């Protein structure tokens, strides 16, 4: 009992100061990329269709504990509650890309006029649009866990978004950017979906079934799952170190522009979260569906955004820098929104 209490105390302290650990890990990644560049150069060799294999493994570590909690029955039950799915898809595809375009255009072409050259400003707008048109796939499982979201419902929401991306992503980007003949890196999109959703889900189902068959459901729920309490957070921190080690040089070389790019991205994230969260409240959704719904809309599928930006505009373009800044600002902002959601949980019902 003492050991369990000590473990809970450590976890509580760890999660309470998670924002600090996140910022430290981001800084560590940037320093590694700047002063020990051979490390990210070595890791970058393990890349397939613009998807980093080391990053994929760390993302598996992040979301695997949540996948363990999912069974087929809960997935089927989630599909019987369509309001949350409708809210998420509506915000993600009828609102989010367009508000991102408007906010980015307003700041880069009007507010920051004179601080950024017009051509570069339009590249930053392009990068922002690529972020806004790609709802989150992998990281949202972390935000859902931190807000005690329904894991099965989160999975269904992410899966629906992945299917819609295949149809709407390219046309929306083409419409907003006025770029014809956009070639979406389908291999990157499909591989990312398989790696970040299908593989960890399948592994979680297999492990769940095996442990329950061997030890029983009570052992699984009360003992086995608890062993993974800190795994998600450790995976998140290691992922941030890795991602920012890849982008350290670019970030260090553009500090002022990174600050400017961050402003519309932060405003967009908070705006979309607020619209979705209050929409969930108006729809009388339970908290464990409302919180993840808002998180999915607010966060972005940065792997796809970065890959497509490199494909369309080049590695050293302003658009690619904007997508990288999207990763830089998203994690601290999302942790802030997680705290907001948890503190307002009493607004919602606790219906399962």
Protein backbone atom coordinates (compact mmCIF):
# COMPACT_ATOMS: atom_id res chain seq x y z
CA UNK A 1 0.00 0.00 0.00
CA UNK A 2 2.86 2.38 0.86
CA UNK A 3 4.52 1.62 -2.46
CA UNK A 4 1.29 2.32 -4.33
CA UNK A 5 0.81 5.63 -2.51
CA UNK A 6 4.38 6.63 -3.27
CA UNK A 7 3.88 5.80 -6.94
CA UNK A 8 0.67 7.83 -7.03
CA UNK A 9 2.45 10.75 -5.37
CA UNK A 10 5.26 10.64 -7.96
CA UNK A 11 2.75 10.48 -10.81
CA UNK A 12 0.77 13.38 -9.35
CA UNK A 13 3.89 15.57 -9.08
CA UNK A 14 4.96 14.52 -12.58
CA UNK A 15 1.63 15.46 -14.14
CA UNK A 16 1.28 18.66 -12.09
CA UNK A 17 4.50 20.05 -13.57
CA UNK A 18 4.09 18.44 -16.97
CA UNK A 19 4.21 21.81 -18.75
CA UNK A 20 7.64 22.44 -17.23
CA UNK A 21 8.93 19.04 -18.34
CA UNK A 22 7.53 19.64 -21.82
CA UNK A 23 9.28 23.00 -22.18
CA UNK A 24 12.54 21.53 -20.89
CA UNK A 25 12.34 18.65 -23.36
CA UNK A 26 11.60 21.01 -26.24
CA UNK A 27 14.62 23.10 -25.23
CA UNK A 28 16.76 19.96 -24.91
CA UNK A 29 15.74 18.87 -28.41
CA UNK A 30 16.62 22.27 -29.87
CA UNK A 31 20.02 22.25 -28.14
CA UNK A 32 20.73 18.73 -29.39
CA UNK A 33 19.87 19.75 -32.94
CA UNK A 34 22.08 22.83 -32.69
CA UNK A 35 25.12 21.48 -30.85
CA UNK A 36 25.02 17.71 -31.38
CA UNK A 37 23.65 17.56 -34.95
CA UNK A 38 24.96 14.07 -35.64
CA UNK A 39 22.22 12.62 -33.41
CA UNK A 40 19.24 13.88 -35.47
CA UNK A 41 21.21 13.19 -38.66
CA UNK A 42 21.56 9.56 -37.58
CA UNK A 43 17.89 9.29 -36.59
CA UNK A 44 16.75 10.90 -39.85
CA UNK A 45 18.23 8.00 -41.80
CA UNK A 46 15.45 5.83 -40.39
CA UNK A 47 12.69 7.50 -42.37
CA UNK A 48 10.14 6.04 -44.75
CA UNK A 49 7.86 8.23 -46.91
CA UNK A 50 8.68 11.28 -44.75
CA UNK A 51 7.64 9.41 -41.57
CA UNK A 52 10.34 9.09 -38.93
CA UNK A 53 10.51 5.52 -37.62
CA UNK A 54 12.01 6.57 -34.22
CA UNK A 55 9.22 9.13 -33.81
CA UNK A 56 6.63 6.50 -34.75
CA UNK A 57 7.95 4.14 -32.07
CA UNK A 58 7.76 6.89 -29.45
CA UNK A 59 4.21 7.74 -30.49
CA UNK A 60 3.31 4.07 -30.07
CA UNK A 61 4.67 4.30 -26.53
CA UNK A 62 2.49 7.36 -25.94
CA UNK A 63 -0.80 5.95 -27.12
CA UNK A 64 -0.42 2.22 -26.38
CA UNK A 65 -1.73 2.49 -22.77
CA UNK A 66 -4.92 4.12 -24.06
CA UNK A 67 -5.36 1.46 -26.73
CA UNK A 68 -5.17 -1.20 -24.03
CA UNK A 69 -8.41 0.17 -22.57
CA UNK A 70 -10.36 -0.32 -25.79
CA UNK A 71 -12.42 -3.37 -26.64
CA UNK A 72 -14.71 -4.00 -29.60
CA UNK A 73 -17.85 -3.62 -27.49
CA UNK A 74 -16.92 -0.08 -26.47
CA UNK A 75 -16.17 0.81 -30.09
CA UNK A 76 -19.60 -0.38 -31.19
CA UNK A 77 -21.23 1.54 -28.35
CA UNK A 78 -19.38 4.71 -29.37
CA UNK A 79 -20.89 4.61 -32.86
CA UNK A 80 -24.37 4.74 -31.27
CA UNK A 81 -23.68 8.29 -29.98
CA UNK A 82 -23.52 10.36 -33.17
CA UNK A 83 -23.73 13.89 -31.71
CA UNK A 84 -20.07 14.02 -30.71
CA UNK A 85 -18.96 12.68 -34.09
CA UNK A 86 -21.12 15.18 -35.94
CA UNK A 87 -19.80 18.07 -33.84
CA UNK A 88 -16.16 17.10 -34.35
CA UNK A 89 -16.40 16.56 -38.10
CA UNK A 90 -18.38 19.77 -38.62
CA UNK A 91 -15.84 21.92 -36.75
CA UNK A 92 -12.85 20.17 -38.31
CA UNK A 93 -13.97 20.46 -41.92
CA UNK A 94 -16.55 23.26 -42.18
CA UNK A 95 -14.95 25.72 -39.75
CA UNK A 96 -11.33 25.07 -38.79
CA UNK A 97 -9.51 25.35 -42.17
CA UNK A 98 -11.34 28.57 -43.02
CA UNK A 99 -10.79 30.28 -39.67
CA UNK A 100 -7.09 29.35 -39.92
CA UNK A 101 -6.87 30.95 -43.37
CA UNK A 102 -8.65 34.12 -42.21
CA UNK A 103 -6.68 34.51 -38.99
CA UNK A 104 -3.33 33.82 -40.68
CA UNK A 105 -4.11 36.23 -43.52
CA UNK A 106 -5.18 38.94 -41.09
CA UNK A 107 -1.98 38.74 -39.08
CA UNK A 108 0.59 38.11 -41.79
CA UNK A 109 -0.81 40.51 -44.39
CA UNK A 110 -2.21 43.29 -42.15
CA UNK A 111 -0.97 43.23 -38.54
CA UNK A 112 2.58 42.13 -39.43
CA UNK A 113 2.73 44.12 -42.66
CA UNK A 114 6.18 45.69 -42.83
CA UNK A 115 7.69 43.12 -40.49
CA UNK A 116 7.48 40.31 -43.03
CA UNK A 117 7.99 40.48 -46.79
CA UNK A 118 4.77 39.86 -48.72
CA UNK A 119 6.01 36.71 -50.46
CA UNK A 120 7.25 35.19 -47.21
CA UNK A 121 4.00 36.17 -45.47
CA UNK A 122 2.05 34.19 -48.06
CA UNK A 123 4.29 31.20 -47.48
CA UNK A 124 3.55 31.41 -43.76
CA UNK A 125 -0.17 31.53 -44.59
CA UNK A 126 0.25 28.40 -46.71
CA UNK A 127 1.91 26.56 -43.82
CA UNK A 128 -0.82 27.65 -41.43
CA UNK A 129 -3.50 26.40 -43.83
CA UNK A 130 -1.78 23.02 -44.10
CA UNK A 131 -1.95 22.76 -40.32
CA UNK A 132 -5.55 23.93 -40.12
CA UNK A 133 -6.75 21.47 -42.75
CA UNK A 134 -5.31 18.40 -41.01
CA UNK A 135 -7.03 17.33 -37.76
CA UNK A 136 -4.91 15.47 -35.23
CA UNK A 137 -4.42 11.70 -35.41
CA UNK A 138 -1.85 10.52 -32.87
CA UNK A 139 -1.31 13.18 -30.22
CA UNK A 140 -5.03 13.50 -29.53
CA UNK A 141 -4.91 10.17 -27.71
CA UNK A 142 -2.56 11.81 -25.20
CA UNK A 143 -4.87 14.81 -24.72
CA UNK A 144 -7.84 12.45 -24.37
CA UNK A 145 -6.05 10.48 -21.66
CA UNK A 146 -5.12 13.64 -19.77
CA UNK A 147 -8.78 14.72 -19.75
CA UNK A 148 -10.08 11.25 -18.83
CA UNK A 149 -11.75 10.96 -22.21
CA UNK A 150 -13.59 7.91 -23.49
CA UNK A 151 -10.80 6.02 -25.33
CA UNK A 152 -13.15 4.12 -27.62
CA UNK A 153 -15.04 7.24 -28.63
CA UNK A 154 -11.76 9.08 -29.24
CA UNK A 155 -10.64 6.24 -31.48
CA UNK A 156 -13.86 6.40 -33.49
CA UNK A 157 -13.56 10.18 -33.87
CA UNK A 158 -9.96 9.91 -35.04
CA UNK A 159 -10.84 7.11 -37.46
CA UNK A 160 -13.69 9.11 -39.00
CA UNK A 161 -11.36 12.09 -39.45
CA UNK A 162 -8.73 9.90 -41.11
CA UNK A 163 -11.31 8.73 -43.64
CA UNK A 164 -12.48 12.29 -44.34
CA UNK A 165 -8.88 13.46 -44.80
CA UNK A 166 -8.60 11.13 -47.77
CA UNK A 167 -11.48 12.95 -49.48
CA UNK A 168 -11.44 16.58 -48.33
CA UNK A 169 -7.88 17.51 -47.40
CA UNK A 170 -6.53 18.15 -50.90
CA UNK A 171 -9.60 20.07 -52.21
CA UNK A 172 -9.72 22.34 -49.15
CA UNK A 173 -6.00 23.13 -49.33
CA UNK A 174 -6.32 23.79 -53.08
CA UNK A 175 -9.31 26.07 -52.52
CA UNK A 176 -7.72 28.15 -49.76
CA UNK A 177 -4.26 28.44 -51.29
CA UNK A 178 -5.37 28.74 -54.88
CA UNK A 179 -2.85 26.08 -55.78
CA UNK A 180 -3.91 23.76 -58.57
CA UNK A 181 -2.91 20.15 -59.08
CA UNK A 182 -1.95 19.56 -55.45
CA UNK A 183 -0.30 16.19 -55.08
CA UNK A 184 -0.99 14.95 -51.57
CA UNK A 185 1.70 12.55 -50.31
CA UNK A 186 -0.77 9.68 -50.02
CA UNK A 187 1.95 7.26 -48.95
CA UNK A 188 2.75 9.51 -45.99
CA UNK A 189 -0.94 9.90 -45.12
CA UNK A 190 -1.75 6.20 -45.32
CA UNK A 191 1.46 5.11 -43.58
CA UNK A 192 0.87 7.59 -40.75
CA UNK A 193 -2.67 6.33 -40.24
CA UNK A 194 -1.51 2.71 -40.16
CA UNK A 195 1.40 3.44 -37.83
CA UNK A 196 -0.36 5.76 -35.42
CA UNK A 197 -3.82 4.17 -35.28
CA UNK A 198 -4.04 0.67 -36.76
CA UNK A 199 -0.82 -0.84 -35.39
CA UNK A 200 -1.11 0.35 -31.76
CA UNK A 201 -4.83 -0.51 -31.73
CA UNK A 202 -4.19 -4.04 -32.99
CA UNK A 203 -1.33 -4.51 -30.52
CA UNK A 204 -3.46 -3.17 -27.66
CA UNK A 205 -6.33 -5.55 -28.47
CA UNK A 206 -3.99 -8.56 -28.65
CA UNK A 207 -2.23 -7.73 -25.37
CA UNK A 208 -5.55 -6.97 -23.64
CA UNK A 209 -7.05 -10.31 -24.70
CA UNK A 210 -3.94 -12.28 -23.76
CA UNK A 211 -3.63 -10.73 -20.27
CA UNK A 212 -7.33 -11.18 -19.51
CA UNK A 213 -7.20 -14.81 -20.66
CA UNK A 214 -4.13 -15.44 -18.50
CA UNK A 215 -4.90 -13.40 -15.37
CA UNK A 216 -8.54 -12.33 -15.58
CA UNK A 217 -10.25 -9.00 -16.14
CA UNK A 218 -9.85 -7.85 -12.51
CA UNK A 219 -6.06 -8.21 -12.71
CA UNK A 220 -6.05 -6.41 -16.04
CA UNK A 221 -8.10 -3.44 -14.81
CA UNK A 222 -6.60 -3.06 -11.32
CA UNK A 223 -2.97 -4.14 -11.75
CA UNK A 224 -1.80 -4.40 -15.35
CA UNK A 225 -3.13 -1.04 -16.57
CA UNK A 226 -1.62 0.78 -13.60
CA UNK A 227 1.85 -0.30 -14.71
CA UNK A 228 1.47 2.05 -17.69
CA UNK A 229 0.48 5.18 -15.73
CA UNK A 230 3.63 7.09 -16.61
CA UNK A 231 4.38 5.50 -19.97
CA UNK A 232 2.27 7.97 -21.99
CA UNK A 233 3.94 11.02 -20.45
CA UNK A 234 7.44 9.59 -20.84
CA UNK A 235 6.67 8.80 -24.47
CA UNK A 236 5.42 12.37 -25.00
CA UNK A 237 8.58 13.91 -23.53
CA UNK A 238 10.90 11.65 -25.53
CA UNK A 239 8.93 12.41 -28.70
CA UNK A 240 9.35 16.15 -28.14
CA UNK A 241 13.09 15.80 -27.66
CA UNK A 242 13.30 13.84 -30.92
CA UNK A 243 11.07 16.14 -32.99
CA UNK A 244 12.80 19.31 -31.85
CA UNK A 245 16.26 17.85 -32.35
CA UNK A 246 15.32 17.55 -36.04
CA UNK A 247 14.23 21.21 -36.19
CA UNK A 248 16.67 22.81 -33.74
CA UNK A 249 18.76 24.68 -36.31
CA UNK A 250 15.73 26.16 -38.11
CA UNK A 251 14.21 27.36 -34.86
CA UNK A 252 17.42 28.97 -33.59
CA UNK A 253 17.97 30.77 -36.89
CA UNK A 254 14.48 32.34 -37.00
CA UNK A 255 13.57 33.42 -33.43
CA UNK A 256 11.65 36.61 -34.31
CA UNK A 257 9.66 35.07 -37.14
CA UNK A 258 8.85 32.08 -34.96
CA UNK A 259 7.31 34.47 -32.43
CA UNK A 260 5.25 36.12 -35.18
CA UNK A 261 4.10 32.79 -36.62
CA UNK A 262 3.11 31.59 -33.15
CA UNK A 263 0.55 34.36 -32.61
CA UNK A 264 -2.12 33.33 -35.18
CA UNK A 265 -1.51 29.63 -34.49
CA UNK A 266 -2.15 30.07 -30.77
CA UNK A 267 -5.27 32.17 -31.39
CA UNK A 268 -6.60 29.58 -33.84
CA UNK A 269 -6.00 26.72 -31.40
CA UNK A 270 -7.81 28.44 -28.53
CA UNK A 271 -10.65 29.59 -30.80
CA UNK A 272 -11.36 26.13 -32.22
CA UNK A 273 -11.16 24.55 -28.78
CA UNK A 274 -13.63 27.11 -27.44
CA UNK A 275 -16.10 26.68 -30.31
CA UNK A 276 -16.05 22.89 -30.02
CA UNK A 277 -16.09 22.81 -26.23
CA UNK A 278 -19.05 25.18 -25.92
CA UNK A 279 -20.70 23.34 -28.80
CA UNK A 280 -20.35 20.12 -26.83
CA UNK A 281 -21.87 21.87 -23.81
CA UNK A 282 -24.79 23.08 -25.92
CA UNK A 283 -25.27 19.55 -27.27
CA UNK A 284 -25.28 18.25 -23.67
CA UNK A 285 -22.48 15.79 -24.36
CA UNK A 286 -20.90 14.06 -21.35
CA UNK A 287 -17.48 15.34 -20.34
CA UNK A 288 -15.58 12.23 -21.43
CA UNK A 289 -16.77 12.90 -25.00
CA UNK A 290 -16.82 16.72 -24.92
CA UNK A 291 -13.19 17.17 -23.87
CA UNK A 292 -11.61 14.87 -26.52
CA UNK A 293 -13.94 16.37 -29.16
CA UNK A 294 -12.52 19.81 -28.45
CA UNK A 295 -8.95 18.47 -28.36
CA UNK A 296 -9.26 16.81 -31.77
CA UNK A 297 -10.40 20.03 -33.36
CA UNK A 298 -7.77 22.18 -31.66
CA UNK A 299 -4.74 20.00 -32.42
CA UNK A 300 -3.22 19.18 -35.81
CA UNK A 301 -1.87 16.25 -37.84
CA UNK A 302 1.59 17.83 -38.00
CA UNK A 303 3.28 14.81 -39.63
CA UNK A 304 1.08 15.20 -42.71
CA UNK A 305 1.34 19.01 -42.69
CA UNK A 306 5.14 19.03 -42.56
CA UNK A 307 5.43 16.32 -45.21
CA UNK A 308 3.09 18.06 -47.63
CA UNK A 309 4.75 21.43 -47.03
CA UNK A 310 8.15 19.98 -47.90
CA UNK A 311 6.64 18.34 -50.98
CA UNK A 312 4.90 21.53 -52.21
CA UNK A 313 7.20 24.33 -51.11
CA UNK A 314 10.55 22.79 -50.16
CA UNK A 315 12.41 22.07 -46.94
CA UNK A 316 13.67 25.64 -46.45
CA UNK A 317 10.41 27.40 -47.31
CA UNK A 318 8.42 29.69 -45.04
CA UNK A 319 5.50 27.27 -45.28
CA UNK A 320 7.57 24.43 -43.85
CA UNK A 321 8.86 26.67 -41.05
CA UNK A 322 5.25 27.56 -40.18
CA UNK A 323 4.29 23.88 -39.91
CA UNK A 324 7.28 23.28 -37.64
CA UNK A 325 6.25 26.21 -35.43
CA UNK A 326 2.84 24.53 -35.28
CA UNK A 327 4.48 21.67 -33.40
CA UNK A 328 6.42 24.12 -31.22
CA UNK A 329 3.34 25.97 -29.94
CA UNK A 330 0.81 23.15 -29.99
CA UNK A 331 2.02 21.08 -27.06
CA UNK A 332 2.22 23.87 -24.42
CA UNK A 333 -1.07 25.36 -25.63
CA UNK A 334 -2.81 21.98 -25.61
CA UNK A 335 -1.58 21.31 -22.07
CA UNK A 336 -3.08 24.66 -21.07
CA UNK A 337 -6.39 23.65 -22.69
CA UNK A 338 -6.24 20.29 -20.92
CA UNK A 339 -6.10 22.17 -17.61
CA UNK A 340 -9.03 24.36 -18.66
CA UNK A 341 -11.07 21.28 -19.57
CA UNK A 342 -10.28 19.47 -16.33
CA UNK A 343 -11.18 22.50 -14.23
CA UNK A 344 -14.52 22.91 -15.99
CA UNK A 345 -15.48 19.26 -15.88
CA UNK A 346 -18.33 20.06 -13.51
CA UNK A 347 -20.11 21.89 -16.36
CA UNK A 348 -20.83 18.55 -18.00
CA UNK A 349 -22.57 15.36 -17.02
CA UNK A 350 -20.47 12.32 -16.15
CA UNK A 351 -22.64 9.98 -18.18
CA UNK A 352 -20.68 7.10 -19.65
